Amino acid sequence: MTGLNTGPEPFFELLGLQTEEVKLDFCRMRMPFRPELQQAGGLVHGGAIASLIDSAAVLAIKTGVAPGVTLFPTVTMTVNYLAAAREIDLIAKAHVIRRGRSMVFVDVDVISPSDDAVAKGQVVCKLPSSRKS
């Protein structure tokens, strides 16, 4: 595994995201429940769940690139919401399933602390060009 920048991520801090495990092509990240993450109906907002998926995917990607490479724009992201989440922490498990020359594909499962499926995400990010201009 190459060096991983573990410096502060302002958006992670805004959502309260906590990185629990990072290894080559994998990231486990927790989003602790906070009332600010709820939508009007009292459930964890789908946008917060999507942000957890995207954030965990990017950290999984970072494990396999050179130190100092930090820009991984998301090209596409699909989220399937499988169950409602009410007043619980959520855990994302991101697995890189393929690294191409210019794109990386990541599957992300979001689960409850009791291991119930909450959401499934697929994320595709673009790698920086290695061409010299």
N, C-alpha and C. Protein backbone atom coordinates (compact mmCIF):
# COMPACT_ATOMS: atom_id res chain seq x y z
N MET A 1 0.85 -1.18 0.00
CA MET A 1 0.00 0.00 0.00
C MET A 1 0.89 1.23 0.00
N THR A 2 0.47 2.23 -0.76
CA THR A 2 1.23 3.47 -0.80
C THR A 2 0.81 4.35 0.36
N GLY A 3 1.52 5.46 0.54
CA GLY A 3 1.21 6.38 1.63
C GLY A 3 -0.20 6.95 1.49
N LEU A 4 -0.93 7.02 2.55
CA LEU A 4 -2.30 7.52 2.54
C LEU A 4 -2.36 8.81 3.32
N ASN A 5 -2.84 9.86 2.69
CA ASN A 5 -3.00 11.14 3.37
C ASN A 5 -4.12 11.00 4.38
N THR A 6 -3.79 11.11 5.64
CA THR A 6 -4.80 10.98 6.69
C THR A 6 -5.09 12.32 7.36
N GLY A 7 -4.75 13.40 6.66
CA GLY A 7 -5.00 14.73 7.19
C GLY A 7 -6.48 15.01 7.29
N PRO A 8 -6.83 16.13 7.90
CA PRO A 8 -8.24 16.46 8.11
C PRO A 8 -8.98 16.69 6.79
N GLU A 9 -10.18 16.21 6.72
CA GLU A 9 -11.07 16.41 5.59
C GLU A 9 -12.25 17.22 6.11
N PRO A 10 -12.37 18.49 5.72
CA PRO A 10 -13.43 19.33 6.28
C PRO A 10 -14.83 18.75 6.13
N PHE A 11 -15.13 18.14 4.97
CA PHE A 11 -16.47 17.59 4.77
C PHE A 11 -16.71 16.39 5.69
N PHE A 12 -15.67 15.57 5.89
CA PHE A 12 -15.80 14.44 6.82
C PHE A 12 -16.14 14.96 8.22
N GLU A 13 -15.45 16.03 8.61
CA GLU A 13 -15.69 16.62 9.93
C GLU A 13 -17.10 17.19 10.03
N LEU A 14 -17.59 17.80 8.96
CA LEU A 14 -18.94 18.35 8.95
C LEU A 14 -19.98 17.27 9.22
N LEU A 15 -19.81 16.10 8.60
CA LEU A 15 -20.75 14.99 8.79
C LEU A 15 -20.42 14.13 10.00
N GLY A 16 -19.25 14.34 10.59
CA GLY A 16 -18.83 13.53 11.74
C GLY A 16 -18.31 12.17 11.34
N LEU A 17 -17.87 12.00 10.08
CA LEU A 17 -17.41 10.70 9.60
C LEU A 17 -16.14 10.26 10.32
N GLN A 18 -16.09 8.98 10.65
CA GLN A 18 -14.95 8.40 11.35
C GLN A 18 -14.42 7.22 10.55
N THR A 19 -13.14 7.28 10.20
CA THR A 19 -12.52 6.17 9.49
C THR A 19 -12.14 5.10 10.51
N GLU A 20 -12.66 3.89 10.32
CA GLU A 20 -12.41 2.81 11.27
C GLU A 20 -11.34 1.84 10.80
N GLU A 21 -11.27 1.60 9.48
CA GLU A 21 -10.27 0.68 8.94
C GLU A 21 -9.98 1.06 7.50
N VAL A 22 -8.71 1.08 7.17
CA VAL A 22 -8.30 1.35 5.79
C VAL A 22 -7.17 0.38 5.47
N LYS A 23 -7.33 -0.34 4.36
CA LYS A 23 -6.26 -1.19 3.84
C LYS A 23 -6.39 -1.19 2.32
N LEU A 24 -5.48 -1.82 1.63
CA LEU A 24 -5.48 -1.77 0.18
C LEU A 24 -6.86 -2.12 -0.37
N ASP A 25 -7.43 -1.19 -1.14
CA ASP A 25 -8.71 -1.36 -1.83
C ASP A 25 -9.91 -1.51 -0.89
N PHE A 26 -9.80 -1.05 0.34
CA PHE A 26 -10.91 -1.19 1.30
C PHE A 26 -10.92 -0.02 2.28
N CYS A 27 -12.12 0.40 2.65
CA CYS A 27 -12.31 1.38 3.72
C CYS A 27 -13.59 1.05 4.47
N ARG A 28 -13.51 1.10 5.78
CA ARG A 28 -14.69 0.99 6.63
C ARG A 28 -14.82 2.33 7.36
N MET A 29 -15.96 2.97 7.17
CA MET A 29 -16.17 4.31 7.72
C MET A 29 -17.51 4.35 8.44
N ARG A 30 -17.55 5.07 9.55
CA ARG A 30 -18.77 5.20 10.36
C ARG A 30 -19.28 6.64 10.29
N MET A 31 -20.60 6.76 10.20
CA MET A 31 -21.26 8.05 10.34
C MET A 31 -22.11 7.97 11.60
N PRO A 32 -21.62 8.50 12.71
CA PRO A 32 -22.40 8.46 13.95
C PRO A 32 -23.70 9.25 13.79
N PHE A 33 -24.75 8.73 14.39
CA PHE A 33 -26.03 9.43 14.32
C PHE A 33 -25.95 10.76 15.04
N ARG A 34 -26.50 11.78 14.40
CA ARG A 34 -26.69 13.10 14.99
C ARG A 34 -28.04 13.61 14.51
N PRO A 35 -28.80 14.29 15.33
CA PRO A 35 -30.10 14.80 14.91
C PRO A 35 -30.03 15.68 13.66
N GLU A 36 -28.90 16.37 13.45
CA GLU A 36 -28.75 17.23 12.28
C GLU A 36 -28.74 16.47 10.96
N LEU A 37 -28.56 15.15 11.02
CA LEU A 37 -28.51 14.33 9.80
C LEU A 37 -29.87 13.77 9.42
N GLN A 38 -30.89 14.11 10.16
CA GLN A 38 -32.24 13.60 9.89
C GLN A 38 -32.96 14.48 8.87
N GLN A 39 -33.87 13.87 8.14
CA GLN A 39 -34.81 14.64 7.32
C GLN A 39 -36.07 14.85 8.16
N ALA A 40 -37.02 15.57 7.63
CA ALA A 40 -38.19 15.98 8.42
C ALA A 40 -38.96 14.80 9.02
N GLY A 41 -38.94 13.65 8.37
CA GLY A 41 -39.66 12.49 8.88
C GLY A 41 -38.93 11.72 9.98
N GLY A 42 -37.75 12.18 10.37
CA GLY A 42 -37.01 11.54 11.46
C GLY A 42 -36.04 10.46 11.03
N LEU A 43 -35.94 10.21 9.73
CA LEU A 43 -34.99 9.21 9.23
C LEU A 43 -33.69 9.89 8.84
N VAL A 44 -32.59 9.12 8.84
CA VAL A 44 -31.32 9.67 8.37
C VAL A 44 -31.51 10.08 6.90
N HIS A 45 -31.12 11.29 6.57
CA HIS A 45 -31.32 11.84 5.24
C HIS A 45 -30.55 11.04 4.19
N GLY A 46 -31.20 10.78 3.06
CA GLY A 46 -30.56 10.04 1.98
C GLY A 46 -29.31 10.72 1.46
N GLY A 47 -29.28 12.04 1.48
CA GLY A 47 -28.08 12.75 1.04
C GLY A 47 -26.90 12.50 1.96
N ALA A 48 -27.16 12.36 3.26
CA ALA A 48 -26.08 12.04 4.20
C ALA A 48 -25.56 10.63 3.92
N ILE A 49 -26.46 9.70 3.63
CA ILE A 49 -26.05 8.33 3.31
C ILE A 49 -25.23 8.31 2.02
N ALA A 50 -25.67 9.06 1.00
CA ALA A 50 -24.93 9.14 -0.26
C ALA A 50 -23.54 9.73 -0.03
N SER A 51 -23.45 10.73 0.84
CA SER A 51 -22.14 11.33 1.15
C SER A 51 -21.23 10.34 1.85
N LEU A 52 -21.78 9.52 2.73
CA LEU A 52 -21.01 8.46 3.39
C LEU A 52 -20.47 7.49 2.35
N ILE A 53 -21.31 7.08 1.41
CA ILE A 53 -20.90 6.15 0.35
C ILE A 53 -19.75 6.73 -0.47
N ASP A 54 -19.91 7.96 -0.93
CA ASP A 54 -18.90 8.61 -1.76
C ASP A 54 -17.59 8.78 -0.99
N SER A 55 -17.67 9.19 0.26
CA SER A 55 -16.47 9.43 1.07
C SER A 55 -15.70 8.14 1.33
N ALA A 56 -16.40 7.06 1.66
CA ALA A 56 -15.73 5.78 1.90
C ALA A 56 -15.09 5.26 0.61
N ALA A 57 -15.76 5.45 -0.51
CA ALA A 57 -15.22 5.01 -1.80
C ALA A 57 -13.91 5.73 -2.11
N VAL A 58 -13.88 7.04 -1.90
CA VAL A 58 -12.67 7.81 -2.20
C VAL A 58 -11.50 7.35 -1.32
N LEU A 59 -11.76 7.08 -0.05
CA LEU A 59 -10.65 6.61 0.81
C LEU A 59 -10.16 5.23 0.36
N ALA A 60 -11.07 4.35 -0.07
CA ALA A 60 -10.64 3.03 -0.58
C ALA A 60 -9.77 3.21 -1.82
N ILE A 61 -10.12 4.15 -2.68
CA ILE A 61 -9.33 4.42 -3.88
C ILE A 61 -7.95 4.95 -3.52
N LYS A 62 -7.88 5.85 -2.55
CA LYS A 62 -6.60 6.47 -2.15
C LYS A 62 -5.56 5.44 -1.72
N THR A 63 -5.99 4.26 -1.28
CA THR A 63 -5.03 3.26 -0.80
C THR A 63 -4.14 2.70 -1.89
N GLY A 64 -4.52 2.88 -3.15
CA GLY A 64 -3.75 2.28 -4.23
C GLY A 64 -3.14 3.27 -5.19
N VAL A 65 -2.96 4.51 -4.76
CA VAL A 65 -2.34 5.51 -5.62
C VAL A 65 -1.12 6.11 -4.93
N ALA A 66 -0.32 6.80 -5.71
CA ALA A 66 0.90 7.40 -5.17
C ALA A 66 0.58 8.46 -4.13
N PRO A 67 1.46 8.61 -3.14
CA PRO A 67 1.26 9.68 -2.14
C PRO A 67 1.18 11.04 -2.84
N GLY A 68 0.37 11.89 -2.31
CA GLY A 68 0.22 13.22 -2.86
C GLY A 68 -0.87 13.35 -3.90
N VAL A 69 -1.33 12.22 -4.46
CA VAL A 69 -2.44 12.26 -5.42
C VAL A 69 -3.72 12.34 -4.60
N THR A 70 -4.47 13.40 -4.80
CA THR A 70 -5.64 13.62 -3.94
C THR A 70 -6.94 13.86 -4.69
N LEU A 71 -6.89 14.09 -5.99
CA LEU A 71 -8.09 14.46 -6.72
C LEU A 71 -8.70 13.24 -7.40
N PHE A 72 -9.88 12.83 -6.95
CA PHE A 72 -10.59 11.68 -7.53
C PHE A 72 -12.04 12.09 -7.79
N PRO A 73 -12.31 12.85 -8.86
CA PRO A 73 -13.69 13.28 -9.07
C PRO A 73 -14.61 12.09 -9.32
N THR A 74 -15.76 12.13 -8.69
CA THR A 74 -16.76 11.09 -8.90
C THR A 74 -17.40 11.31 -10.26
N VAL A 75 -17.39 10.27 -11.09
CA VAL A 75 -17.98 10.33 -12.42
C VAL A 75 -19.45 9.92 -12.36
N THR A 76 -19.71 8.81 -11.68
CA THR A 76 -21.08 8.35 -11.48
C THR A 76 -21.20 7.74 -10.09
N MET A 77 -22.41 7.84 -9.56
CA MET A 77 -22.69 7.17 -8.29
C MET A 77 -24.15 6.74 -8.33
N THR A 78 -24.37 5.48 -8.00
CA THR A 78 -25.72 4.95 -7.91
C THR A 78 -25.94 4.51 -6.48
N VAL A 79 -27.07 4.90 -5.91
CA VAL A 79 -27.40 4.50 -4.55
C VAL A 79 -28.76 3.84 -4.55
N ASN A 80 -28.83 2.66 -3.98
CA ASN A 80 -30.10 1.97 -3.75
C ASN A 80 -30.33 1.94 -2.25
N TYR A 81 -31.42 2.56 -1.83
CA TYR A 81 -31.77 2.59 -0.41
C TYR A 81 -32.60 1.35 -0.11
N LEU A 82 -32.11 0.52 0.80
CA LEU A 82 -32.72 -0.78 1.05
C LEU A 82 -33.60 -0.79 2.29
N ALA A 83 -33.31 0.06 3.26
CA ALA A 83 -34.09 0.11 4.50
C ALA A 83 -33.92 1.49 5.13
N ALA A 84 -34.90 1.87 5.91
CA ALA A 84 -34.84 3.15 6.61
C ALA A 84 -33.85 3.05 7.78
N ALA A 85 -33.22 4.17 8.09
CA ALA A 85 -32.32 4.24 9.23
C ALA A 85 -32.83 5.34 10.15
N ARG A 86 -33.14 4.97 11.37
CA ARG A 86 -33.68 5.93 12.34
C ARG A 86 -32.82 5.91 13.60
N GLU A 87 -32.17 7.05 13.86
CA GLU A 87 -31.40 7.25 15.09
C GLU A 87 -30.37 6.15 15.35
N ILE A 88 -29.63 5.77 14.29
CA ILE A 88 -28.55 4.79 14.45
C ILE A 88 -27.31 5.28 13.69
N ASP A 89 -26.16 4.83 14.15
CA ASP A 89 -24.93 5.03 13.38
C ASP A 89 -25.05 4.21 12.11
N LEU A 90 -24.36 4.64 11.06
CA LEU A 90 -24.29 3.88 9.83
C LEU A 90 -22.84 3.59 9.50
N ILE A 91 -22.60 2.42 8.94
CA ILE A 91 -21.25 1.97 8.63
C ILE A 91 -21.18 1.66 7.14
N ALA A 92 -20.19 2.24 6.47
CA ALA A 92 -19.95 1.96 5.05
C ALA A 92 -18.74 1.07 4.92
N LYS A 93 -18.87 0.05 4.08
CA LYS A 93 -17.75 -0.83 3.74
C LYS A 93 -17.53 -0.70 2.24
N ALA A 94 -16.44 -0.04 1.86
CA ALA A 94 -16.14 0.22 0.45
C ALA A 94 -15.05 -0.73 -0.03
N HIS A 95 -15.30 -1.39 -1.17
CA HIS A 95 -14.36 -2.33 -1.77
C HIS A 95 -14.11 -1.91 -3.22
N VAL A 96 -12.85 -1.66 -3.55
CA VAL A 96 -12.50 -1.39 -4.95
C VAL A 96 -12.66 -2.70 -5.70
N ILE A 97 -13.45 -2.69 -6.77
CA ILE A 97 -13.65 -3.92 -7.54
C ILE A 97 -12.84 -3.94 -8.84
N ARG A 98 -12.44 -2.76 -9.31
CA ARG A 98 -11.57 -2.71 -10.48
C ARG A 98 -10.88 -1.36 -10.56
N ARG A 99 -9.59 -1.43 -10.82
CA ARG A 99 -8.79 -0.22 -11.08
C ARG A 99 -8.35 -0.27 -12.53
N GLY A 100 -8.83 0.67 -13.30
CA GLY A 100 -8.37 0.81 -14.68
C GLY A 100 -7.31 1.88 -14.76
N ARG A 101 -6.92 2.23 -15.99
CA ARG A 101 -5.91 3.27 -16.16
C ARG A 101 -6.45 4.64 -15.81
N SER A 102 -7.75 4.86 -16.09
CA SER A 102 -8.30 6.19 -15.85
C SER A 102 -9.53 6.19 -14.94
N MET A 103 -10.09 5.02 -14.65
CA MET A 103 -11.29 4.94 -13.81
C MET A 103 -11.12 3.86 -12.74
N VAL A 104 -11.76 4.09 -11.60
CA VAL A 104 -11.77 3.10 -10.53
C VAL A 104 -13.23 2.86 -10.16
N PHE A 105 -13.57 1.58 -9.98
CA PHE A 105 -14.94 1.17 -9.67
C PHE A 105 -14.99 0.62 -8.25
N VAL A 106 -15.95 1.11 -7.48
CA VAL A 106 -16.04 0.76 -6.07
C VAL A 106 -17.47 0.35 -5.72
N ASP A 107 -17.61 -0.76 -4.99
CA ASP A 107 -18.89 -1.17 -4.40
C ASP A 107 -18.88 -0.77 -2.94
N VAL A 108 -20.00 -0.24 -2.45
CA VAL A 108 -20.10 0.19 -1.06
C VAL A 108 -21.39 -0.34 -0.46
N ASP A 109 -21.26 -1.03 0.66
CA ASP A 109 -22.41 -1.49 1.43
C ASP A 109 -22.53 -0.62 2.67
N VAL A 110 -23.74 -0.13 2.93
CA VAL A 110 -24.01 0.63 4.15
C VAL A 110 -24.88 -0.24 5.04
N ILE A 111 -24.41 -0.43 6.27
CA ILE A 111 -25.11 -1.32 7.20
C ILE A 111 -25.35 -0.61 8.52
N SER A 112 -26.25 -1.17 9.30
CA SER A 112 -26.50 -0.70 10.66
C SER A 112 -25.48 -1.37 11.59
N PRO A 113 -25.39 -0.92 12.83
CA PRO A 113 -24.48 -1.59 13.78
C PRO A 113 -24.86 -3.06 14.02
N SER A 114 -26.12 -3.42 13.77
CA SER A 114 -26.53 -4.82 13.93
C SER A 114 -26.41 -5.60 12.62
N ASP A 115 -25.70 -5.02 11.63
CA ASP A 115 -25.38 -5.66 10.36
C ASP A 115 -26.57 -5.77 9.40
N ASP A 116 -27.61 -4.95 9.59
CA ASP A 116 -28.73 -4.92 8.65
C ASP A 116 -28.37 -4.02 7.47
N ALA A 117 -28.70 -4.46 6.26
CA ALA A 117 -28.42 -3.67 5.06
C ALA A 117 -29.30 -2.42 5.04
N VAL A 118 -28.69 -1.27 4.79
CA VAL A 118 -29.42 0.00 4.71
C VAL A 118 -29.37 0.56 3.29
N ALA A 119 -28.20 0.47 2.64
CA ALA A 119 -28.05 1.00 1.29
C ALA A 119 -26.92 0.28 0.58
N LYS A 120 -26.95 0.34 -0.74
CA LYS A 120 -25.90 -0.23 -1.58
C LYS A 120 -25.52 0.84 -2.58
N GLY A 121 -24.22 1.11 -2.70
CA GLY A 121 -23.76 2.12 -3.65
C GLY A 121 -22.72 1.56 -4.60
N GLN A 122 -22.71 2.11 -5.79
CA GLN A 122 -21.66 1.85 -6.76
C GLN A 122 -21.11 3.21 -7.17
N VAL A 123 -19.79 3.36 -7.08
CA VAL A 123 -19.14 4.64 -7.35
C VAL A 123 -18.05 4.43 -8.40
N VAL A 124 -17.99 5.34 -9.35
CA VAL A 124 -16.92 5.34 -10.35
C VAL A 124 -16.23 6.69 -10.23
N CYS A 125 -14.91 6.65 -10.04
CA CYS A 125 -14.12 7.88 -9.94
C CYS A 125 -13.05 7.90 -11.02
N LYS A 126 -12.71 9.09 -11.44
CA LYS A 126 -11.67 9.28 -12.43
C LYS A 126 -10.32 9.48 -11.75
N LEU A 127 -9.34 8.81 -12.26
CA LEU A 127 -7.97 8.99 -11.77
C LEU A 127 -7.33 10.16 -12.50
N PRO A 128 -6.40 10.84 -11.83
CA PRO A 128 -5.69 11.93 -12.51
C PRO A 128 -4.89 11.39 -13.68
N SER A 129 -4.75 12.19 -14.71
CA SER A 129 -3.98 11.80 -15.90
C SER A 129 -2.51 11.73 -15.53
N SER A 130 -1.83 10.74 -16.08
CA SER A 130 -0.39 10.61 -15.84
C SER A 130 0.40 11.31 -16.94
N ARG A 131 -0.33 11.89 -17.93
CA ARG A 131 0.35 12.61 -19.02
C ARG A 131 0.98 13.89 -18.50
N LYS A 132 2.12 14.23 -19.06
CA LYS A 132 2.77 15.50 -18.73
C LYS A 132 2.40 16.50 -19.80
N SER A 133 1.97 17.67 -19.35
CA SER A 133 1.58 18.71 -20.32
C SER A 133 2.74 19.59 -20.66
